[in-house]
Amino acid sequence: MNHVLPEESILFGDDGSHTFYAIQGYDIKRTGTFFFDDVFGAMGHAIGYSIGAKLAAPNKKVICLTGDGCMLMQGTEVSTAVNAHAAVIFIVLNNSVLDMVDKGMKAHVGKAVGTALESPVQIANFAASMGATSYTCRTSAHLKESLERALEREETTVIEVIVDHNEIPPTMRRG
């Protein structure tokens, strides 16, 4: 994202492991362009925040970094974005697990219960069913290409990024 997003882009990080990748690896170039609400910990909050931000600042590029669990909780708001002509770019990391909960349970109690999705959700298809442009990415090159396409268009776009569920988030790599 560092090499593709314009420096004035506004990025909202949702609650989950996916945002810690942004916190660790995304270079914030301007004050007031990266938002992460870590106070309430409500999964899916960034989806609505990003739609509101785009409606308030229609000339800015607004990106929401979220996960599959958040999208399952608040993802129907993509329909709101489509119907309001809010050209938000939703980047959804999909590992078919509530990752932060899963890894936390395994680290602290030795096993996780109720965190893995038995049947993987196809986020891009879900988004397309609401009228959003959507992509499914399995490589960083395809993610870059999809993000570049989304930035060129003025339409609601959902970019699903398939992620290995065994990936350990940055917050758990501390020794």
C-alpha atoms as a PDB file:
ATOM      1  CA  MET A   1       0.000   0.000   0.000  1.00  0.00           C
ATOM      2  CA  ASN A   2       2.902   2.346   0.704  1.00  0.00           C
ATOM      3  CA  HIS A   3       3.879   2.548  -2.957  1.00  0.00           C
ATOM      4  CA  VAL A   4       0.360   2.755  -4.374  1.00  0.00           C
ATOM      5  CA  LEU A   5      -1.763   4.982  -2.139  1.00  0.00           C
ATOM      6  CA  PRO A   6      -1.567   8.756  -2.594  1.00  0.00           C
ATOM      7  CA  GLU A   7      -0.123  10.388   0.526  1.00  0.00           C
ATOM      8  CA  GLU A   8      -3.361  12.278   1.221  1.00  0.00           C
ATOM      9  CA  SER A   9      -5.371   9.020   1.300  1.00  0.00           C
ATOM     10  CA  ILE A  10      -7.385   8.405   4.443  1.00  0.00           C
ATOM     11  CA  LEU A  11      -6.994   4.904   5.879  1.00  0.00           C
ATOM     12  CA  PHE A  12      -9.262   3.359   8.499  1.00  0.00           C
ATOM     13  CA  GLY A  13      -8.064   0.226  10.271  1.00  0.00           C
ATOM     14  CA  ASP A  14     -10.717  -2.064  11.680  1.00  0.00           C
ATOM     15  CA  ASP A  15     -10.458  -4.105  14.859  1.00  0.00           C
ATOM     16  CA  GLY A  16      -8.425  -7.254  14.290  1.00  0.00           C
ATOM     17  CA  SER A  17      -5.026  -8.639  13.356  1.00  0.00           C
ATOM     18  CA  HIS A  18      -5.227  -7.096   9.891  1.00  0.00           C
ATOM     19  CA  THR A  19      -4.823  -3.572  11.278  1.00  0.00           C
ATOM     20  CA  PHE A  20      -1.661  -4.464  13.152  1.00  0.00           C
ATOM     21  CA  TYR A  21      -0.056  -5.221   9.801  1.00  0.00           C
ATOM     22  CA  ALA A  22      -0.899  -1.648   8.756  1.00  0.00           C
ATOM     23  CA  ILE A  23       0.330  -0.227  12.053  1.00  0.00           C
ATOM     24  CA  GLN A  24       3.597  -2.094  11.607  1.00  0.00           C
ATOM     25  CA  GLY A  25       4.137  -1.634   7.881  1.00  0.00           C
ATOM     26  CA  TYR A  26       2.199   1.349   6.547  1.00  0.00           C
ATOM     27  CA  ASP A  27       4.078   4.647   6.385  1.00  0.00           C
ATOM     28  CA  ILE A  28       1.779   7.464   7.457  1.00  0.00           C
ATOM     29  CA  LYS A  29       2.822  10.448   5.398  1.00  0.00           C
ATOM     30  CA  ARG A  30       0.412  13.070   6.756  1.00  0.00           C
ATOM     31  CA  THR A  31      -1.206  13.732  10.099  1.00  0.00           C
ATOM     32  CA  GLY A  32      -4.895  12.867  10.198  1.00  0.00           C
ATOM     33  CA  THR A  33      -4.803  10.204   7.500  1.00  0.00           C
ATOM     34  CA  PHE A  34      -4.746   6.974   9.567  1.00  0.00           C
ATOM     35  CA  PHE A  35      -7.486   6.111  12.032  1.00  0.00           C
ATOM     36  CA  PHE A  36      -7.752   3.102  14.331  1.00  0.00           C
ATOM     37  CA  ASP A  37     -10.306   3.009  17.150  1.00  0.00           C
ATOM     38  CA  ASP A  38      -8.719   0.764  19.741  1.00  0.00           C
ATOM     39  CA  VAL A  39     -10.906   2.026  22.591  1.00  0.00           C
ATOM     40  CA  PHE A  40     -14.106   0.045  22.031  1.00  0.00           C
ATOM     41  CA  GLY A  41     -12.771  -2.895  20.022  1.00  0.00           C
ATOM     42  CA  ALA A  42     -15.946  -3.198  17.972  1.00  0.00           C
ATOM     43  CA  MET A  43     -15.361  -5.428  14.977  1.00  0.00           C
ATOM     44  CA  GLY A  44     -16.523  -3.801  11.762  1.00  0.00           C
ATOM     45  CA  HIS A  45     -16.544  -0.196  12.985  1.00  0.00           C
ATOM     46  CA  ALA A  46     -14.133   1.000  10.284  1.00  0.00           C
ATOM     47  CA  ILE A  47     -16.562  -0.006   7.545  1.00  0.00           C
ATOM     48  CA  GLY A  48     -19.082   2.633   8.605  1.00  0.00           C
ATOM     49  CA  TYR A  49     -16.383   5.146   9.567  1.00  0.00           C
ATOM     50  CA  SER A  50     -14.884   4.970   6.083  1.00  0.00           C
ATOM     51  CA  ILE A  51     -18.243   5.479   4.373  1.00  0.00           C
ATOM     52  CA  GLY A  52     -18.901   8.552   6.515  1.00  0.00           C
ATOM     53  CA  ALA A  53     -15.426   9.903   5.790  1.00  0.00           C
ATOM     54  CA  LYS A  54     -15.883   9.478   2.039  1.00  0.00           C
ATOM     55  CA  LEU A  55     -19.245  11.249   2.123  1.00  0.00           C
ATOM     56  CA  ALA A  56     -17.686  14.087   4.146  1.00  0.00           C
ATOM     57  CA  ALA A  57     -14.592  14.319   1.911  1.00  0.00           C
ATOM     58  CA  PRO A  58     -15.656  13.082  -1.545  1.00  0.00           C
ATOM     59  CA  ASN A  59     -12.432  14.226  -3.226  1.00  0.00           C
ATOM     60  CA  LYS A  60     -10.201  12.148  -0.937  1.00  0.00           C
ATOM     61  CA  LYS A  61      -9.266   8.513  -1.483  1.00  0.00           C
ATOM     62  CA  VAL A  62     -10.691   6.584   1.475  1.00  0.00           C
ATOM     63  CA  ILE A  63      -9.524   3.070   2.236  1.00  0.00           C
ATOM     64  CA  CYS A  64     -10.860   0.674   4.850  1.00  0.00           C
ATOM     65  CA  LEU A  65      -8.566  -2.147   5.961  1.00  0.00           C
ATOM     66  CA  THR A  66     -10.747  -4.830   7.496  1.00  0.00           C
ATOM     67  CA  GLY A  67     -11.011  -8.572   7.935  1.00  0.00           C
ATOM     68  CA  ASP A  68     -13.404 -11.328   7.003  1.00  0.00           C
ATOM     69  CA  GLY A  69     -14.862 -11.470  10.528  1.00  0.00           C
ATOM     70  CA  CYS A  70     -15.535  -7.729  10.531  1.00  0.00           C
ATOM     71  CA  MET A  71     -17.072  -8.002   7.088  1.00  0.00           C
ATOM     72  CA  LEU A  72     -19.388 -10.756   8.315  1.00  0.00           C
ATOM     73  CA  MET A  73     -20.533  -8.472  11.134  1.00  0.00           C
ATOM     74  CA  GLN A  74     -20.919  -5.151   9.282  1.00  0.00           C
ATOM     75  CA  GLY A  75     -20.312  -5.945   5.621  1.00  0.00           C
ATOM     76  CA  THR A  76     -23.818  -5.182   4.438  1.00  0.00           C
ATOM     77  CA  GLU A  77     -22.821  -1.533   4.820  1.00  0.00           C
ATOM     78  CA  VAL A  78     -21.037  -2.008   1.487  1.00  0.00           C
ATOM     79  CA  SER A  79     -24.546  -1.725   0.050  1.00  0.00           C
ATOM     80  CA  THR A  80     -24.881   1.643   1.800  1.00  0.00           C
ATOM     81  CA  ALA A  81     -21.646   2.793   0.162  1.00  0.00           C
ATOM     82  CA  VAL A  82     -22.814   1.625  -3.273  1.00  0.00           C
ATOM     83  CA  ASN A  83     -26.213   3.299  -2.932  1.00  0.00           C
ATOM     84  CA  ALA A  84     -24.678   6.544  -1.614  1.00  0.00           C
ATOM     85  CA  HIS A  85     -22.070   6.536  -4.417  1.00  0.00           C
ATOM     86  CA  ALA A  86     -19.323   6.530  -1.780  1.00  0.00           C
ATOM     87  CA  ALA A  87     -16.241   5.274  -3.610  1.00  0.00           C
ATOM     88  CA  VAL A  88     -14.594   3.640  -0.615  1.00  0.00           C
ATOM     89  CA  ILE A  89     -11.932   1.008  -1.245  1.00  0.00           C
ATOM     90  CA  PHE A  90     -12.380  -1.873   1.203  1.00  0.00           C
ATOM     91  CA  ILE A  91      -9.343  -4.131   1.536  1.00  0.00           C
ATOM     92  CA  VAL A  92     -10.495  -7.304   3.281  1.00  0.00           C
ATOM     93  CA  LEU A  93      -7.944  -9.795   4.597  1.00  0.00           C
ATOM     94  CA  ASN A  94      -9.636 -13.195   4.473  1.00  0.00           C
ATOM     95  CA  ASN A  95      -8.073 -16.036   6.421  1.00  0.00           C
ATOM     96  CA  SER A  96     -11.373 -17.758   7.343  1.00  0.00           C
ATOM     97  CA  VAL A  97     -10.776 -17.232  11.053  1.00  0.00           C
ATOM     98  CA  LEU A  98     -11.382 -14.615  13.733  1.00  0.00           C
ATOM     99  CA  ASP A  99      -7.617 -14.323  13.895  1.00  0.00           C
ATOM    100  CA  MET A 100      -6.962 -12.131  16.909  1.00  0.00           C
ATOM    101  CA  VAL A 101      -9.390 -14.155  19.017  1.00  0.00           C
ATOM    102  CA  ASP A 102      -8.073 -17.463  17.656  1.00  0.00           C
ATOM    103  CA  LYS A 103      -4.392 -16.720  18.230  1.00  0.00           C
ATOM    104  CA  GLY A 104      -5.099 -15.149  21.619  1.00  0.00           C
ATOM    105  CA  MET A 105      -7.064 -18.181  22.822  1.00  0.00           C
ATOM    106  CA  LYS A 106      -4.376 -20.572  21.615  1.00  0.00           C
ATOM    107  CA  ALA A 107      -1.636 -18.526  23.299  1.00  0.00           C
ATOM    108  CA  HIS A 108      -3.433 -18.140  26.623  1.00  0.00           C
ATOM    109  CA  VAL A 109      -5.588 -21.263  27.062  1.00  0.00           C
ATOM    110  CA  GLY A 110      -3.978 -23.705  24.643  1.00  0.00           C
ATOM    111  CA  LYS A 111      -6.851 -24.070  22.181  1.00  0.00           C
ATOM    112  CA  ALA A 112      -9.384 -22.006  20.285  1.00  0.00           C
ATOM    113  CA  VAL A 113     -13.098 -22.694  20.107  1.00  0.00           C
ATOM    114  CA  GLY A 114     -15.575 -21.135  17.685  1.00  0.00           C
ATOM    115  CA  THR A 115     -13.058 -18.989  15.831  1.00  0.00           C
ATOM    116  CA  ALA A 116     -12.576 -20.812  12.511  1.00  0.00           C
ATOM    117  CA  LEU A 117     -15.080 -20.548   9.682  1.00  0.00           C
ATOM    118  CA  GLU A 118     -15.958 -24.102   8.642  1.00  0.00           C
ATOM    119  CA  SER A 119     -17.030 -22.921   5.200  1.00  0.00           C
ATOM    120  CA  PRO A 120     -14.855 -20.116   3.801  1.00  0.00           C
ATOM    121  CA  VAL A 121     -16.770 -16.966   2.924  1.00  0.00           C
ATOM    122  CA  GLN A 122     -16.216 -15.555  -0.551  1.00  0.00           C
ATOM    123  CA  ILE A 123     -16.031 -11.869   0.326  1.00  0.00           C
ATOM    124  CA  ALA A 124     -15.636 -10.675  -3.281  1.00  0.00           C
ATOM    125  CA  ASN A 125     -18.837 -12.482  -4.290  1.00  0.00           C
ATOM    126  CA  PHE A 126     -20.640 -11.072  -1.244  1.00  0.00           C
ATOM    127  CA  ALA A 127     -19.567  -7.542  -2.242  1.00  0.00           C
ATOM    128  CA  ALA A 128     -20.499  -8.058  -5.891  1.00  0.00           C
ATOM    129  CA  SER A 129     -23.975  -9.163  -4.814  1.00  0.00           C
ATOM    130  CA  MET A 130     -24.439  -5.651  -3.364  1.00  0.00           C
ATOM    131  CA  GLY A 131     -23.240  -3.901  -6.511  1.00  0.00           C
ATOM    132  CA  ALA A 132     -19.622  -3.247  -5.558  1.00  0.00           C
ATOM    133  CA  THR A 133     -16.717  -3.835  -7.899  1.00  0.00           C
ATOM    134  CA  SER A 134     -14.721  -6.675  -6.386  1.00  0.00           C
ATOM    135  CA  TYR A 135     -11.461  -8.553  -6.748  1.00  0.00           C
ATOM    136  CA  THR A 136      -9.968 -11.617  -5.093  1.00  0.00           C
ATOM    137  CA  CYS A 137      -6.188 -11.480  -4.681  1.00  0.00           C
ATOM    138  CA  ARG A 138      -3.822 -14.307  -3.832  1.00  0.00           C
ATOM    139  CA  THR A 139      -0.539 -12.511  -4.547  1.00  0.00           C
ATOM    140  CA  SER A 140       0.944  -9.141  -3.654  1.00  0.00           C
ATOM    141  CA  ALA A 141       1.236  -8.351  -7.382  1.00  0.00           C
ATOM    142  CA  HIS A 142      -2.496  -8.904  -7.886  1.00  0.00           C
ATOM    143  CA  LEU A 143      -3.248  -6.810  -4.784  1.00  0.00           C
ATOM    144  CA  LYS A 144      -1.154  -3.954  -6.174  1.00  0.00           C
ATOM    145  CA  GLU A 145      -2.877  -4.205  -9.567  1.00  0.00           C
ATOM    146  CA  SER A 146      -6.353  -4.330  -7.996  1.00  0.00           C
ATOM    147  CA  LEU A 147      -5.600  -1.369  -5.734  1.00  0.00           C
ATOM    148  CA  GLU A 148      -4.313   0.658  -8.689  1.00  0.00           C
ATOM    149  CA  ARG A 149      -7.518  -0.122 -10.622  1.00  0.00           C
ATOM    150  CA  ALA A 150      -9.672   0.838  -7.645  1.00  0.00           C
ATOM    151  CA  LEU A 151      -7.847   4.157  -7.246  1.00  0.00           C
ATOM    152  CA  GLU A 152      -8.533   4.993 -10.908  1.00  0.00           C
ATOM    153  CA  ARG A 153     -12.277   4.457 -10.540  1.00  0.00           C
ATOM    154  CA  GLU A 154     -14.821   6.372  -8.527  1.00  0.00           C
ATOM    155  CA  GLU A 155     -16.871   3.429  -7.322  1.00  0.00           C
ATOM    156  CA  THR A 156     -17.206   1.283  -4.235  1.00  0.00           C
ATOM    157  CA  THR A 157     -14.601  -1.463  -4.477  1.00  0.00           C
ATOM    158  CA  VAL A 158     -13.911  -4.495  -2.312  1.00  0.00           C
ATOM    159  CA  ILE A 159     -10.510  -6.146  -2.624  1.00  0.00           C
ATOM    160  CA  GLU A 160     -10.463  -9.546  -0.949  1.00  0.00           C
ATOM    161  CA  VAL A 161      -6.960 -10.706  -0.040  1.00  0.00           C
ATOM    162  CA  ILE A 162      -6.650 -14.402   0.723  1.00  0.00           C
ATOM    163  CA  VAL A 163      -4.298 -14.848   3.680  1.00  0.00           C
ATOM    164  CA  ASP A 164      -2.821 -18.009   5.223  1.00  0.00           C
ATOM    165  CA  HIS A 165      -4.661 -18.683   8.482  1.00  0.00           C
ATOM    166  CA  ASN A 166      -1.385 -19.871  10.042  1.00  0.00           C
ATOM    167  CA  GLU A 167       0.239 -16.443   9.619  1.00  0.00           C
ATOM    168  CA  ILE A 168       1.203 -15.029  13.018  1.00  0.00           C
ATOM    169  CA  PRO A 169       0.165 -11.377  13.427  1.00  0.00           C
ATOM    170  CA  PRO A 170       2.816  -8.774  14.295  1.00  0.00           C
ATOM    171  CA  THR A 171       1.474  -8.314  17.825  1.00  0.00           C
ATOM    172  CA  MET A 172       2.185 -11.950  18.693  1.00  0.00           C
ATOM    173  CA  ARG A 173       5.727 -12.004  17.319  1.00  0.00           C
ATOM    174  CA  ARG A 174       7.073 -10.206  20.358  1.00  0.00           C
ATOM    175  CA  GLY A 175       9.295 -12.396  22.484  1.00  0.00           C
END
